[in-house]
Amino acid sequence: MIPHLKISTFAQQILSVKYQVLENINSPKDLKKLGVSELDQLAQELRFFVQEITKTKAGHIKSSLGVVELSIALHFVFDTPDDILVWDVGHQAYIHKILTERKNLFHSNRKFGGLSGFTNRKESVYDPFGAGHSSTSISAVSGFAEGAKLKGINRNHIAVIGDGALTGGESFEALNYIGERNLNCLIIINDNDSSIDPNVGALSQNQKYADFFTSLNLDFIGDVDGHDTAKLISTLGSLKNEKGAKVIRVITEKGRGWIDQIQTSSNPKQEFSFQEIFASKMEELALKNEKLVAISPAMLAGAGLSDFKEKFPNRTFDVGIAEQHAVTMSAALAADGFIPVCHLYSTFAQRAFDQIIHDVALQGLAVVFCLDRASLVGEDGATHHGNFDPGFLNTIPNIIITAPMDGKSLSCLLEESLKSDKAFVIRYPKGGNFSKDQKEIGLGFGKLRKLKKGKTKAFISYGAIGLEVQKALKDLKYSHYDLVYLKPIDEDAIATIFSEYDEVISIEENSPAGGLGEKLASLKAKWNSPIRLKCHSLPDQFIEHGSNNQLLELVALDEKSIKGF
């Protein structure tokens, strides 16, 4: 629960002036007092309410706008929170949050100290299972269903999963289990034929849902119009007291009722993000080397690879939300003589830890891993921060781990990665503002680089947090080094640094375990060095959501904090 938040004056005005039905809706109990015509009016009011209060993150808003009637019908028919309702990913649960005692706090959605952009057990009893990553909902309701049997209680267990999330391997594993156990679960496929990228996979393209689910011993009820409130209530009501494993497919329109709020600028673009630098360099390298291929688990647009796919359609592979498959397929492509660039968000790379070890590193295969969204990612919060990959990757033999501080470094590392005879990891954050027309710098393999020469203190940064260090040290007479390679680490250069300065300060925007600070501490112990070493990283805890500036200040890695180190 978040009791310290107060409803804003803006939200009070919206509620009291514009919304005749929504004004009186604070919990699912209030829904049950309404007739269907009033529920339809509520649906329209909710669509406008969400867009008026939430002006950003269109992908999440549109996902929620597509399930307005479904959200209303679920809470109208079922007895939440006693009945278990799990939203896959949770990014489509805005309407669910508004209907479950969080309407007056919705103005704080995705803001520092406010409501999460996803479902969150700490936030409400109506969120029985938290989310942020896809394809977990069916596994979760199977656990709750087994728990109900053990407790001897009667309740419903509902999972709402999108057709995109259904491509994730865990969802297939869970369906196989539920069908064998005939658990009391209702699986609702929210089919809006839309994900971040176009849906892939035989199930989606062939539309043989009835055959698929029936083969798994699941009762496929059929298709329902996801914007017909009366039909949804009738269908869900007929299933409420029916036991066993059931599936319905709800056909919805993502972004239904969306009011376009995007303002375009006519000014020519001067600065480019890490993602745009990556995309441009990939196209350049692909023109030079026909062996280069790109693999993405449903994140081509986020990677910046949409144009790459248009230019090299036969060398671009979108495998759906299936990180494990993406990595093993990349390994096989490497074994077959290609140069696979496997693009993963850092937070989703966690799902493929075993494949990186077993299928890539153990076999000594040269797969390039571009880990996007490494470090803090702002408003998406704890489920999406990319702060764990250095720790788990650093435990693996036969792997190179790097992080560019800026766009030029990213270009150089991509060039270098294609020469590697082993797995090569490049981790970089979201965003950034870089010029593409500057001459690329030379980065020696495994070498750190000196950015500024000073006295008494040396700062060693790893990755893009080095830009924050640069700002902090602008008027200070201390040295600054950019590590670049975490593995192999430049021991010779670090030994020299230890011998030349009184104090060394490490800065990294990832968890402390397995990172730069731990490595420097181990070298200090190994060499019995008298150097004063201070290590600064993200704390060993999950970090909430908020703007990146707010979070850097929270964890004391902002410019002001660094100046005081």
Protein backbone atom coordinates (compact mmCIF):
# COMPACT_ATOMS: atom_id res chain seq x y z
CA MET A 1 0.00 0.00 0.00
CA ILE A 2 1.09 3.62 -0.52
CA PRO A 3 -0.82 5.60 2.14
CA HIS A 4 1.45 8.66 2.08
CA LEU A 5 0.31 9.75 -1.39
CA LYS A 6 -2.42 12.33 -1.70
CA ILE A 7 -4.75 12.93 -4.61
CA SER A 8 -3.65 15.95 -6.65
CA THR A 9 -5.83 19.01 -7.16
CA PHE A 10 -5.73 18.24 -10.88
CA ALA A 11 -7.07 14.73 -10.30
CA GLN A 12 -9.78 16.05 -7.96
CA GLN A 13 -10.97 18.45 -10.65
CA ILE A 14 -11.06 15.69 -13.25
CA LEU A 15 -13.00 13.35 -11.00
CA SER A 16 -15.55 15.89 -9.80
CA VAL A 17 -16.28 17.67 -13.07
CA LYS A 18 -16.07 15.31 -16.03
CA TYR A 19 -16.89 11.78 -14.95
CA GLN A 20 -20.48 11.01 -13.98
CA VAL A 21 -20.06 7.23 -13.54
CA LEU A 22 -16.37 6.95 -12.68
CA GLU A 23 -16.77 9.53 -9.91
CA ASN A 24 -18.67 6.92 -7.88
CA ILE A 25 -16.42 3.94 -8.67
CA ASN A 26 -13.74 3.20 -6.09
CA SER A 27 -13.70 -0.61 -5.88
CA PRO A 28 -15.09 -3.63 -7.74
CA LYS A 29 -18.07 -3.68 -5.37
CA ASP A 30 -19.24 -0.40 -6.91
CA LEU A 31 -19.18 -1.95 -10.38
CA LYS A 32 -21.63 -4.65 -9.41
CA LYS A 33 -24.32 -2.02 -8.76
CA LEU A 34 -24.30 -0.82 -12.37
CA GLY A 35 -26.27 -1.90 -15.42
CA VAL A 36 -24.64 -2.70 -18.76
CA SER A 37 -25.41 0.73 -20.25
CA GLU A 38 -23.72 2.39 -17.28
CA LEU A 39 -20.73 0.05 -17.67
CA ASP A 40 -20.41 1.10 -21.31
CA GLN A 41 -20.46 4.74 -20.23
CA LEU A 42 -17.83 3.91 -17.60
CA ALA A 43 -15.65 2.40 -20.32
CA GLN A 44 -15.67 5.62 -22.29
CA GLU A 45 -14.93 7.70 -19.21
CA LEU A 46 -12.04 5.43 -18.26
CA ARG A 47 -10.47 5.80 -21.68
CA PHE A 48 -10.49 9.56 -21.38
CA PHE A 49 -9.44 9.56 -17.72
CA VAL A 50 -6.33 7.45 -18.38
CA GLN A 51 -5.20 9.67 -21.22
CA GLU A 52 -5.85 12.94 -19.40
CA ILE A 53 -3.80 11.96 -16.36
CA THR A 54 -1.12 9.89 -18.10
CA LYS A 55 0.48 11.78 -20.95
CA THR A 56 3.52 9.57 -21.55
CA LYS A 57 4.54 5.94 -22.24
CA ALA A 58 2.08 5.44 -25.07
CA GLY A 59 2.81 1.71 -25.32
CA HIS A 60 1.50 1.12 -21.82
CA ILE A 61 -1.48 3.46 -22.26
CA LYS A 62 -2.55 1.82 -25.51
CA SER A 63 -2.25 -1.66 -24.01
CA SER A 64 -4.60 -0.63 -21.21
CA LEU A 65 -7.03 1.16 -23.54
CA GLY A 66 -7.49 -2.12 -25.40
CA VAL A 67 -8.68 -3.99 -22.30
CA VAL A 68 -11.08 -1.45 -20.77
CA GLU A 69 -14.24 -3.53 -21.27
CA LEU A 70 -12.40 -6.73 -20.34
CA SER A 71 -11.11 -5.16 -17.10
CA ILE A 72 -14.62 -3.98 -16.20
CA ALA A 73 -16.16 -7.36 -16.99
CA LEU A 74 -13.57 -9.30 -14.98
CA HIS A 75 -14.11 -7.25 -11.85
CA PHE A 76 -17.90 -7.23 -12.41
CA VAL A 77 -18.15 -11.02 -12.67
CA PHE A 78 -15.44 -12.30 -10.35
CA ASP A 79 -14.97 -11.60 -6.66
CA THR A 80 -11.53 -10.04 -6.52
CA PRO A 81 -9.33 -10.02 -4.51
CA ASP A 82 -10.65 -13.40 -3.23
CA ASP A 83 -10.62 -14.67 -6.80
CA ILE A 84 -7.08 -14.53 -8.18
CA LEU A 85 -6.58 -12.25 -11.20
CA VAL A 86 -3.08 -12.11 -12.71
CA TRP A 87 -2.20 -9.74 -15.57
CA ASP A 88 0.71 -10.91 -17.69
CA VAL A 89 3.49 -8.27 -17.84
CA GLY A 90 1.16 -5.90 -16.00
CA HIS A 91 1.64 -2.97 -18.37
CA GLN A 92 -1.99 -3.36 -19.51
CA ALA A 93 -3.37 -3.12 -15.96
CA TYR A 94 -4.01 0.62 -15.70
CA ILE A 95 -7.81 0.15 -15.79
CA HIS A 96 -7.49 -2.65 -13.26
CA LYS A 97 -5.62 -0.29 -10.93
CA ILE A 98 -8.20 2.48 -11.27
CA LEU A 99 -11.04 0.06 -10.49
CA THR A 100 -9.25 -1.41 -7.47
CA GLU A 101 -9.04 1.45 -4.97
CA ARG A 102 -6.19 3.31 -6.75
CA LYS A 103 -8.16 5.82 -8.83
CA ASN A 104 -7.25 8.72 -6.55
CA LEU A 105 -3.57 7.80 -6.72
CA PHE A 106 -3.40 7.21 -10.45
CA HIS A 107 -1.88 10.64 -11.03
CA SER A 108 1.28 9.23 -9.39
CA ASN A 109 1.58 6.35 -11.86
CA ARG A 110 5.22 5.70 -12.86
CA LYS A 111 6.39 8.69 -10.84
CA PHE A 112 8.99 8.60 -8.08
CA GLY A 113 7.32 7.38 -4.87
CA GLY A 114 4.07 6.67 -6.72
CA LEU A 115 2.21 3.76 -8.25
CA SER A 116 4.19 1.27 -10.31
CA GLY A 117 3.63 1.03 -14.04
CA PHE A 118 3.09 -2.71 -13.50
CA THR A 119 1.22 -4.87 -11.02
CA ASN A 120 2.89 -4.95 -7.62
CA ARG A 121 2.11 -7.06 -4.56
CA LYS A 122 3.31 -4.30 -2.22
CA GLU A 123 0.86 -1.86 -3.76
CA SER A 124 -2.51 -3.59 -3.40
CA VAL A 125 -4.23 -6.80 -2.33
CA TYR A 126 -5.80 -6.75 -5.80
CA ASP A 127 -2.34 -7.49 -7.25
CA PRO A 128 -1.79 -11.06 -6.02
CA PHE A 129 1.29 -11.49 -8.21
CA GLY A 130 3.70 -8.83 -9.44
CA ALA A 131 4.98 -8.61 -12.98
CA GLY A 132 7.00 -6.58 -15.43
CA HIS A 133 8.38 -9.37 -17.63
CA SER A 134 6.17 -11.36 -19.94
CA SER A 135 4.84 -14.92 -20.05
CA THR A 136 4.67 -15.58 -16.28
CA SER A 137 0.93 -15.28 -15.62
CA ILE A 138 -0.11 -18.82 -16.52
CA SER A 139 2.63 -20.33 -14.35
CA ALA A 140 1.53 -18.04 -11.53
CA VAL A 141 -2.15 -19.01 -11.63
CA SER A 142 -1.17 -22.69 -11.75
CA GLY A 143 0.65 -22.15 -8.44
CA PHE A 144 -2.36 -20.40 -6.92
CA ALA A 145 -4.64 -23.18 -8.20
CA GLU A 146 -2.46 -25.85 -6.59
CA GLY A 147 -2.43 -23.74 -3.43
CA ALA A 148 -6.23 -23.60 -3.36
CA LYS A 149 -6.37 -27.40 -3.57
CA LEU A 150 -3.92 -27.75 -0.70
CA LYS A 151 -5.89 -25.26 1.40
CA GLY A 152 -9.22 -26.85 0.49
CA ILE A 153 -10.74 -23.55 -0.66
CA ASN A 154 -12.91 -22.69 -3.64
CA ARG A 155 -11.84 -19.73 -5.76
CA ASN A 156 -11.26 -18.78 -9.38
CA HIS A 157 -7.84 -18.32 -10.95
CA ILE A 158 -7.66 -16.08 -14.02
CA ALA A 159 -4.65 -15.20 -16.15
CA VAL A 160 -4.86 -12.47 -18.79
CA ILE A 161 -2.05 -12.89 -21.31
CA GLY A 162 -1.50 -11.12 -24.62
CA ASP A 163 -1.01 -12.94 -27.89
CA GLY A 164 2.54 -11.53 -27.96
CA ALA A 165 3.40 -12.79 -24.48
CA LEU A 166 2.01 -16.19 -25.46
CA THR A 167 5.13 -16.65 -27.63
CA GLY A 168 7.24 -16.88 -24.47
CA GLY A 169 8.40 -20.38 -23.62
CA GLU A 170 7.28 -20.29 -19.99
CA SER A 171 3.66 -19.84 -21.07
CA PHE A 172 3.84 -23.07 -23.11
CA GLU A 173 5.41 -24.93 -20.19
CA ALA A 174 2.64 -23.73 -17.89
CA LEU A 175 -0.14 -24.62 -20.33
CA ASN A 176 1.29 -28.12 -20.65
CA TYR A 177 1.28 -28.46 -16.85
CA ILE A 178 -2.22 -27.07 -16.32
CA GLY A 179 -3.65 -29.34 -19.00
CA GLU A 180 -2.10 -32.44 -17.44
CA ARG A 181 -3.31 -31.47 -13.94
CA ASN A 182 -6.69 -30.10 -15.18
CA LEU A 183 -6.33 -27.23 -12.73
CA ASN A 184 -9.14 -24.80 -12.07
CA CYS A 185 -7.76 -21.99 -14.22
CA LEU A 186 -9.24 -19.64 -16.78
CA ILE A 187 -6.70 -18.44 -19.35
CA ILE A 188 -7.78 -15.34 -21.26
CA ILE A 189 -5.81 -14.67 -24.44
CA ASN A 190 -5.99 -10.93 -25.12
CA ASP A 191 -5.49 -11.03 -28.88
CA ASN A 192 -4.94 -7.52 -30.24
CA ASP A 193 -2.60 -8.73 -32.97
CA SER A 194 -0.10 -6.19 -31.77
CA SER A 195 3.07 -6.17 -29.71
CA ILE A 196 6.05 -3.84 -29.67
CA ASP A 197 6.90 -5.49 -32.98
CA PRO A 198 4.57 -7.48 -35.25
CA ASN A 199 3.71 -10.84 -33.73
CA VAL A 200 5.60 -13.87 -34.93
CA GLY A 201 5.11 -17.61 -34.57
CA ALA A 202 3.03 -20.34 -36.14
CA LEU A 203 0.26 -20.20 -33.51
CA SER A 204 -0.44 -16.52 -34.17
CA GLN A 205 -0.13 -16.79 -37.95
CA ASN A 206 -2.09 -20.02 -38.45
CA GLN A 207 -4.80 -19.08 -35.92
CA LYS A 208 -5.35 -22.74 -34.96
CA TYR A 209 -6.01 -21.93 -31.33
CA ALA A 210 -8.76 -24.51 -30.87
CA ASP A 211 -6.54 -27.35 -32.11
CA PHE A 212 -3.60 -26.20 -30.01
CA PHE A 213 -5.39 -25.83 -26.69
CA THR A 214 -7.50 -28.94 -27.16
CA SER A 215 -4.33 -30.95 -27.75
CA LEU A 216 -3.16 -29.82 -24.30
CA ASN A 217 -6.40 -30.97 -22.63
CA LEU A 218 -7.63 -27.41 -22.23
CA ASP A 219 -11.26 -26.54 -22.92
CA PHE A 220 -11.17 -23.86 -25.62
CA ILE A 221 -14.38 -21.87 -25.31
CA GLY A 222 -13.83 -19.77 -28.42
CA ASP A 223 -13.55 -16.15 -29.43
CA VAL A 224 -15.28 -13.19 -27.78
CA ASP A 225 -15.51 -9.54 -28.84
CA GLY A 226 -13.36 -7.79 -26.28
CA HIS A 227 -15.27 -4.52 -26.62
CA ASP A 228 -18.76 -5.95 -26.09
CA THR A 229 -19.26 -5.54 -22.35
CA ALA A 230 -22.52 -7.49 -22.22
CA LYS A 231 -21.07 -10.42 -24.16
CA LEU A 232 -17.95 -10.48 -22.00
CA ILE A 233 -20.01 -10.49 -18.80
CA SER A 234 -22.24 -13.26 -20.14
CA THR A 235 -19.29 -15.42 -21.22
CA LEU A 236 -17.28 -14.91 -18.05
CA GLY A 237 -20.37 -15.41 -15.90
CA SER A 238 -21.06 -18.79 -17.53
CA LEU A 239 -17.51 -19.89 -16.68
CA LYS A 240 -17.35 -18.57 -13.12
CA ASN A 241 -18.56 -21.75 -11.46
CA GLU A 242 -17.16 -24.20 -14.02
CA LYS A 243 -14.15 -26.18 -12.84
CA GLY A 244 -11.17 -27.29 -14.83
CA ALA A 245 -8.76 -25.70 -17.30
CA LYS A 246 -10.44 -23.29 -19.71
CA VAL A 247 -9.28 -20.87 -22.40
CA ILE A 248 -11.07 -18.03 -24.11
CA ARG A 249 -9.66 -15.73 -26.78
CA VAL A 250 -10.76 -12.11 -26.46
CA ILE A 251 -10.37 -10.06 -29.63
CA THR A 252 -9.43 -6.48 -28.81
CA GLU A 253 -8.07 -3.36 -30.47
CA LYS A 254 -4.90 -2.02 -28.89
CA GLY A 255 -5.20 1.70 -28.27
CA ARG A 256 -8.99 1.83 -28.76
CA GLY A 257 -10.04 5.43 -28.19
CA TRP A 258 -6.46 6.72 -28.32
CA ILE A 259 -6.12 10.46 -28.81
CA ASP A 260 -2.89 11.23 -30.63
CA GLN A 261 -0.80 13.46 -28.36
CA ILE A 262 2.52 13.24 -30.16
CA GLN A 263 4.05 16.53 -31.29
CA THR A 264 6.64 16.26 -34.02
CA SER A 265 9.52 18.65 -34.45
CA SER A 266 10.65 20.03 -37.79
CA ASN A 267 14.17 20.69 -36.54
CA PRO A 268 16.83 18.41 -38.09
CA LYS A 269 18.22 15.83 -35.69
CA GLN A 270 21.66 16.69 -34.33
CA GLU A 271 22.14 14.19 -31.52
CA PHE A 272 21.64 10.45 -31.42
CA SER A 273 20.99 7.84 -28.75
CA PHE A 274 22.97 4.68 -28.05
CA GLN A 275 20.21 2.80 -29.87
CA GLU A 276 20.50 4.96 -32.98
CA ILE A 277 24.28 4.72 -32.97
CA PHE A 278 23.96 0.93 -32.64
CA ALA A 279 21.48 0.74 -35.53
CA SER A 280 23.57 2.91 -37.84
CA LYS A 281 26.75 0.96 -37.10
CA MET A 282 24.98 -2.37 -37.62
CA GLU A 283 23.93 -1.31 -41.10
CA GLU A 284 27.46 -0.15 -41.90
CA LEU A 285 28.98 -3.43 -40.70
CA ALA A 286 26.38 -5.56 -42.47
CA LEU A 287 27.24 -3.93 -45.79
CA LYS A 288 30.89 -4.87 -45.26
CA ASN A 289 30.32 -8.40 -43.96
CA GLU A 290 27.62 -10.65 -45.37
CA LYS A 291 28.09 -13.09 -42.47
CA LEU A 292 26.65 -10.59 -39.98
CA VAL A 293 23.10 -11.42 -38.82
CA ALA A 294 20.82 -9.84 -36.20
CA ILE A 295 18.67 -11.77 -33.71
CA SER A 296 16.06 -10.21 -31.43
CA PRO A 297 13.43 -11.63 -29.06
CA ALA A 298 10.57 -9.32 -30.14
CA MET A 299 12.52 -6.10 -29.59
CA LEU A 300 13.60 -4.97 -33.06
CA ALA A 301 11.96 -1.55 -32.69
CA GLY A 302 13.38 -0.98 -29.23
CA ALA A 303 16.81 -2.02 -30.48
CA GLY A 304 16.62 0.44 -33.35
CA LEU A 305 16.74 -2.40 -35.88
CA SER A 306 13.51 -1.76 -37.81
CA ASP A 307 15.39 -0.17 -40.73
CA PHE A 308 18.02 -2.93 -40.57
CA LYS A 309 15.24 -5.48 -41.06
CA GLU A 310 13.97 -3.61 -44.12
CA LYS A 311 17.44 -3.46 -45.65
CA PHE A 312 18.52 -6.99 -44.64
CA PRO A 313 15.29 -9.00 -44.27
CA ASN A 314 16.99 -12.36 -44.78
CA ARG A 315 19.61 -11.59 -42.13
CA THR A 316 17.22 -10.39 -39.41
CA PHE A 317 15.52 -12.88 -37.09
CA ASP A 318 12.74 -11.89 -34.69
CA VAL A 319 12.06 -15.02 -32.63
CA GLY A 320 9.25 -13.66 -30.45
CA ILE A 321 9.44 -13.28 -26.69
CA ALA A 322 11.87 -16.15 -26.33
CA GLU A 323 15.27 -15.14 -24.98
CA GLN A 324 16.45 -18.69 -24.37
CA HIS A 325 15.69 -19.64 -27.97
CA ALA A 326 17.31 -16.44 -29.25
CA VAL A 327 20.60 -17.23 -27.53
CA THR A 328 20.77 -20.91 -28.51
CA MET A 329 19.80 -20.10 -32.09
CA SER A 330 22.56 -17.46 -32.11
CA ALA A 331 25.00 -20.08 -30.86
CA ALA A 332 24.08 -22.40 -33.71
CA LEU A 333 24.45 -19.62 -36.26
CA ALA A 334 27.94 -18.95 -34.86
CA ALA A 335 28.74 -22.66 -35.08
CA ASP A 336 27.65 -22.53 -38.71
CA GLY A 337 30.09 -19.76 -39.56
CA PHE A 338 27.97 -16.64 -39.19
CA ILE A 339 28.51 -13.62 -36.92
CA PRO A 340 25.31 -13.37 -34.87
CA VAL A 341 24.57 -10.12 -33.04
CA CYS A 342 22.04 -11.08 -30.40
CA HIS A 343 20.27 -8.00 -29.06
CA LEU A 344 18.75 -8.39 -25.60
CA TYR A 345 17.51 -5.95 -23.01
CA SER A 346 19.72 -6.45 -19.96
CA THR A 347 16.75 -7.28 -17.74
CA PHE A 348 15.55 -9.95 -20.19
CA ALA A 349 19.01 -11.43 -20.67
CA GLN A 350 18.59 -12.83 -17.17
CA ARG A 351 16.20 -15.37 -18.67
CA ALA A 352 18.91 -16.79 -20.89
CA PHE A 353 21.66 -17.20 -18.29
CA ASP A 354 21.91 -20.96 -18.77
CA GLN A 355 22.01 -20.69 -22.56
CA ILE A 356 24.81 -18.09 -22.41
CA ILE A 357 26.81 -20.52 -20.28
CA HIS A 358 25.87 -23.87 -21.79
CA ASP A 359 25.29 -23.11 -25.45
CA VAL A 360 27.66 -20.21 -26.09
CA ALA A 361 30.56 -19.85 -23.65
CA LEU A 362 31.10 -23.56 -22.96
CA GLN A 363 31.36 -24.23 -26.69
CA GLY A 364 33.58 -21.21 -27.30
CA LEU A 365 31.22 -19.70 -29.83
CA ALA A 366 31.62 -16.11 -31.01
CA VAL A 367 28.20 -14.58 -30.36
CA VAL A 368 28.02 -10.80 -29.95
CA PHE A 369 25.59 -9.85 -27.18
CA CYS A 370 24.35 -6.27 -27.25
CA LEU A 371 22.73 -5.75 -23.87
CA ASP A 372 20.50 -2.74 -24.22
CA ARG A 373 18.88 -0.83 -21.32
CA ALA A 374 21.83 -1.72 -19.08
CA SER A 375 21.86 0.27 -15.81
CA LEU A 376 18.90 2.29 -14.52
CA VAL A 377 15.94 2.69 -16.87
CA GLY A 378 13.81 5.25 -15.04
CA GLU A 379 10.04 4.93 -14.77
CA ASP A 380 9.86 1.20 -15.63
CA GLY A 381 11.46 0.54 -12.27
CA ALA A 382 12.79 -2.54 -10.51
CA THR A 383 11.57 -5.10 -13.04
CA HIS A 384 13.44 -3.39 -15.85
CA HIS A 385 16.59 -1.87 -14.36
CA GLY A 386 19.59 -3.48 -16.06
CA ASN A 387 21.86 -3.70 -13.05
CA PHE A 388 22.45 -7.44 -12.62
CA ASP A 389 24.12 -8.62 -15.82
CA PRO A 390 27.76 -7.75 -14.91
CA GLY A 391 27.47 -9.86 -11.76
CA PHE A 392 26.21 -13.01 -13.43
CA LEU A 393 28.19 -12.65 -16.65
CA ASN A 394 31.47 -12.10 -14.79
CA THR A 395 31.20 -15.62 -13.35
CA ILE A 396 31.34 -17.19 -16.83
CA PRO A 397 34.64 -18.26 -18.45
CA ASN A 398 35.31 -17.65 -22.13
CA ILE A 399 33.47 -14.34 -22.34
CA ILE A 400 34.39 -10.69 -22.89
CA ILE A 401 32.39 -8.00 -21.06
CA THR A 402 32.48 -4.36 -22.13
CA ALA A 403 30.54 -1.12 -21.67
CA PRO A 404 30.92 1.98 -23.84
CA MET A 405 30.83 5.37 -22.15
CA ASP A 406 29.52 7.13 -25.25
CA GLY A 407 28.43 6.66 -28.86
CA LYS A 408 31.94 6.62 -30.34
CA SER A 409 32.99 3.92 -27.91
CA LEU A 410 29.94 1.85 -28.85
CA SER A 411 30.87 2.05 -32.54
CA CYS A 412 34.44 0.98 -31.78
CA LEU A 413 33.33 -1.94 -29.63
CA LEU A 414 30.98 -3.18 -32.34
CA GLU A 415 33.89 -3.15 -34.77
CA GLU A 416 36.08 -5.00 -32.26
CA SER A 417 33.39 -7.56 -31.41
CA LEU A 418 33.32 -8.92 -34.96
CA LYS A 419 36.99 -9.93 -34.62
CA SER A 420 36.40 -11.94 -31.44
CA ASP A 421 36.72 -15.72 -31.30
CA LYS A 422 34.54 -15.93 -28.16
CA ALA A 423 31.36 -14.41 -26.72
CA PHE A 424 31.58 -10.63 -26.68
CA VAL A 425 29.19 -8.57 -24.53
CA ILE A 426 28.51 -4.86 -25.10
CA ARG A 427 26.24 -3.32 -22.47
CA TYR A 428 24.81 0.18 -22.87
CA PRO A 429 21.91 2.20 -21.42
CA LYS A 430 18.80 3.68 -22.97
CA GLY A 431 19.08 7.13 -24.49
CA GLY A 432 22.11 9.36 -24.67
CA ASN A 433 22.89 12.31 -26.91
CA PHE A 434 25.83 11.82 -29.26
CA SER A 435 27.03 13.07 -32.59
CA LYS A 436 27.47 10.49 -35.35
CA ASP A 437 29.81 12.55 -37.51
CA GLN A 438 32.81 12.69 -35.18
CA LYS A 439 35.82 10.54 -35.94
CA GLU A 440 35.75 7.28 -34.02
CA ILE A 441 38.32 6.80 -31.27
CA GLY A 442 40.65 3.86 -31.05
CA LEU A 443 40.07 1.47 -28.18
CA GLY A 444 42.80 -1.08 -27.67
CA PHE A 445 41.45 -4.54 -26.90
CA GLY A 446 41.14 -5.01 -23.15
CA LYS A 447 42.56 -1.55 -22.44
CA LEU A 448 41.15 1.22 -20.28
CA ARG A 449 41.53 4.78 -21.50
CA LYS A 450 42.70 7.92 -19.73
CA LEU A 451 40.21 10.75 -20.04
CA LYS A 452 41.75 13.30 -17.72
CA LYS A 453 45.08 13.62 -15.93
CA GLY A 454 45.12 14.91 -12.36
CA LYS A 455 46.71 14.47 -8.96
CA THR A 456 46.18 12.50 -5.72
CA LYS A 457 42.88 10.88 -6.71
CA ALA A 458 41.97 8.71 -9.69
CA PHE A 459 38.37 7.98 -10.63
CA ILE A 460 37.75 4.79 -12.63
CA SER A 461 34.29 4.59 -14.19
CA TYR A 462 32.67 1.75 -16.05
CA GLY A 463 30.13 2.48 -18.75
CA ALA A 464 27.96 5.51 -19.44
CA ILE A 465 28.00 6.64 -15.81
CA GLY A 466 31.40 7.98 -16.82
CA LEU A 467 29.58 10.92 -18.42
CA GLU A 468 28.26 11.88 -14.98
CA VAL A 469 31.78 11.53 -13.60
CA GLN A 470 33.12 13.79 -16.34
CA LYS A 471 30.68 16.53 -15.36
CA ALA A 472 31.53 16.13 -11.68
CA LEU A 473 35.29 16.35 -12.26
CA LYS A 474 35.20 19.22 -14.73
CA ASP A 475 36.49 21.77 -12.21
CA LEU A 476 38.38 19.31 -9.99
CA LYS A 477 42.05 18.38 -10.41
CA TYR A 478 41.60 14.62 -10.27
CA SER A 479 42.27 11.95 -12.88
CA HIS A 480 39.54 10.05 -14.69
CA TYR A 481 39.86 6.68 -16.42
CA ASP A 482 37.22 4.86 -18.49
CA LEU A 483 37.46 1.11 -17.86
CA VAL A 484 35.64 -0.07 -21.06
CA TYR A 485 36.58 -3.76 -20.54
CA LEU A 486 35.38 -5.38 -17.32
CA LYS A 487 36.61 -8.76 -18.55
CA PRO A 488 39.44 -9.06 -19.32
CA ILE A 489 40.31 -6.19 -17.00
CA ASP A 490 43.42 -4.13 -17.73
CA GLU A 491 45.53 -5.27 -14.75
CA ASP A 492 48.74 -3.61 -15.95
CA ALA A 493 47.10 -0.19 -16.22
CA ILE A 494 45.36 -0.61 -12.86
CA ALA A 495 48.64 -1.57 -11.20
CA THR A 496 50.15 1.64 -12.53
CA ILE A 497 47.18 3.67 -11.27
CA PHE A 498 47.49 2.06 -7.83
CA SER A 499 51.15 3.09 -7.73
CA GLU A 500 50.63 6.71 -8.87
CA TYR A 501 47.76 7.91 -6.68
CA ASP A 502 46.87 8.11 -2.99
CA GLU A 503 43.27 7.14 -3.57
CA VAL A 504 41.26 5.32 -6.24
CA ILE A 505 37.49 5.71 -6.53
CA SER A 506 35.43 3.36 -8.69
CA ILE A 507 32.04 4.36 -10.11
CA GLU A 508 29.63 1.93 -11.75
CA GLU A 509 25.89 1.92 -12.38
CA ASN A 510 25.24 -1.73 -11.60
CA SER A 511 24.95 -3.96 -8.56
CA PRO A 512 28.14 -4.33 -6.50
CA ALA A 513 28.50 -8.11 -6.82
CA GLY A 514 30.79 -9.07 -9.67
CA GLY A 515 31.37 -5.52 -10.82
CA LEU A 516 34.25 -3.10 -11.08
CA GLY A 517 34.54 -2.37 -7.36
CA GLU A 518 34.78 -6.03 -6.38
CA LYS A 519 37.39 -6.63 -9.06
CA LEU A 520 39.52 -3.70 -7.91
CA ALA A 521 39.22 -4.84 -4.29
CA SER A 522 40.40 -8.33 -5.26
CA LEU A 523 43.40 -6.87 -7.12
CA LYS A 524 44.25 -4.65 -4.14
CA ALA A 525 44.24 -7.74 -1.91
CA LYS A 526 46.16 -9.82 -4.46
CA TRP A 527 48.91 -7.21 -4.70
CA ASN A 528 48.76 -6.25 -1.02
CA SER A 529 48.49 -2.66 -2.20
CA PRO A 530 48.30 0.19 0.35
CA ILE A 531 46.06 2.24 -1.96
CA ARG A 532 42.92 3.80 -0.42
CA LEU A 533 40.07 2.31 -2.45
CA LYS A 534 36.47 3.55 -2.36
CA CYS A 535 33.89 1.70 -4.43
CA HIS A 536 30.57 3.24 -5.46
CA SER A 537 27.85 1.28 -7.22
CA LEU A 538 24.12 0.76 -7.06
CA PRO A 539 23.07 -0.61 -3.66
CA ASP A 540 22.43 -4.30 -3.09
CA GLN A 541 18.68 -3.85 -3.27
CA PHE A 542 15.84 -3.43 -5.73
CA ILE A 543 15.50 0.19 -6.81
CA GLU A 544 12.11 1.83 -7.30
CA HIS A 545 10.87 3.74 -10.32
CA GLY A 546 11.34 7.42 -11.06
CA SER A 547 13.22 9.61 -13.48
CA ASN A 548 16.86 8.69 -14.03
CA ASN A 549 17.98 11.93 -12.44
CA GLN A 550 15.89 11.22 -9.35
CA LEU A 551 17.24 7.69 -9.10
CA LEU A 552 20.88 8.70 -9.55
CA GLU A 553 20.41 11.17 -6.72
CA LEU A 554 18.68 8.49 -4.64
CA VAL A 555 21.63 6.09 -5.01
CA ALA A 556 24.24 8.88 -4.73
CA LEU A 557 25.64 8.49 -8.24
CA ASP A 558 24.64 11.92 -9.49
CA GLU A 559 27.07 14.73 -10.34
CA LYS A 560 26.70 16.43 -6.95
CA SER A 561 27.31 13.21 -5.00
CA ILE A 562 30.32 12.28 -7.12
CA LYS A 563 31.91 15.67 -6.45
CA GLY A 564 31.88 14.83 -2.76
CA PHE A 565 33.59 11.45 -3.07
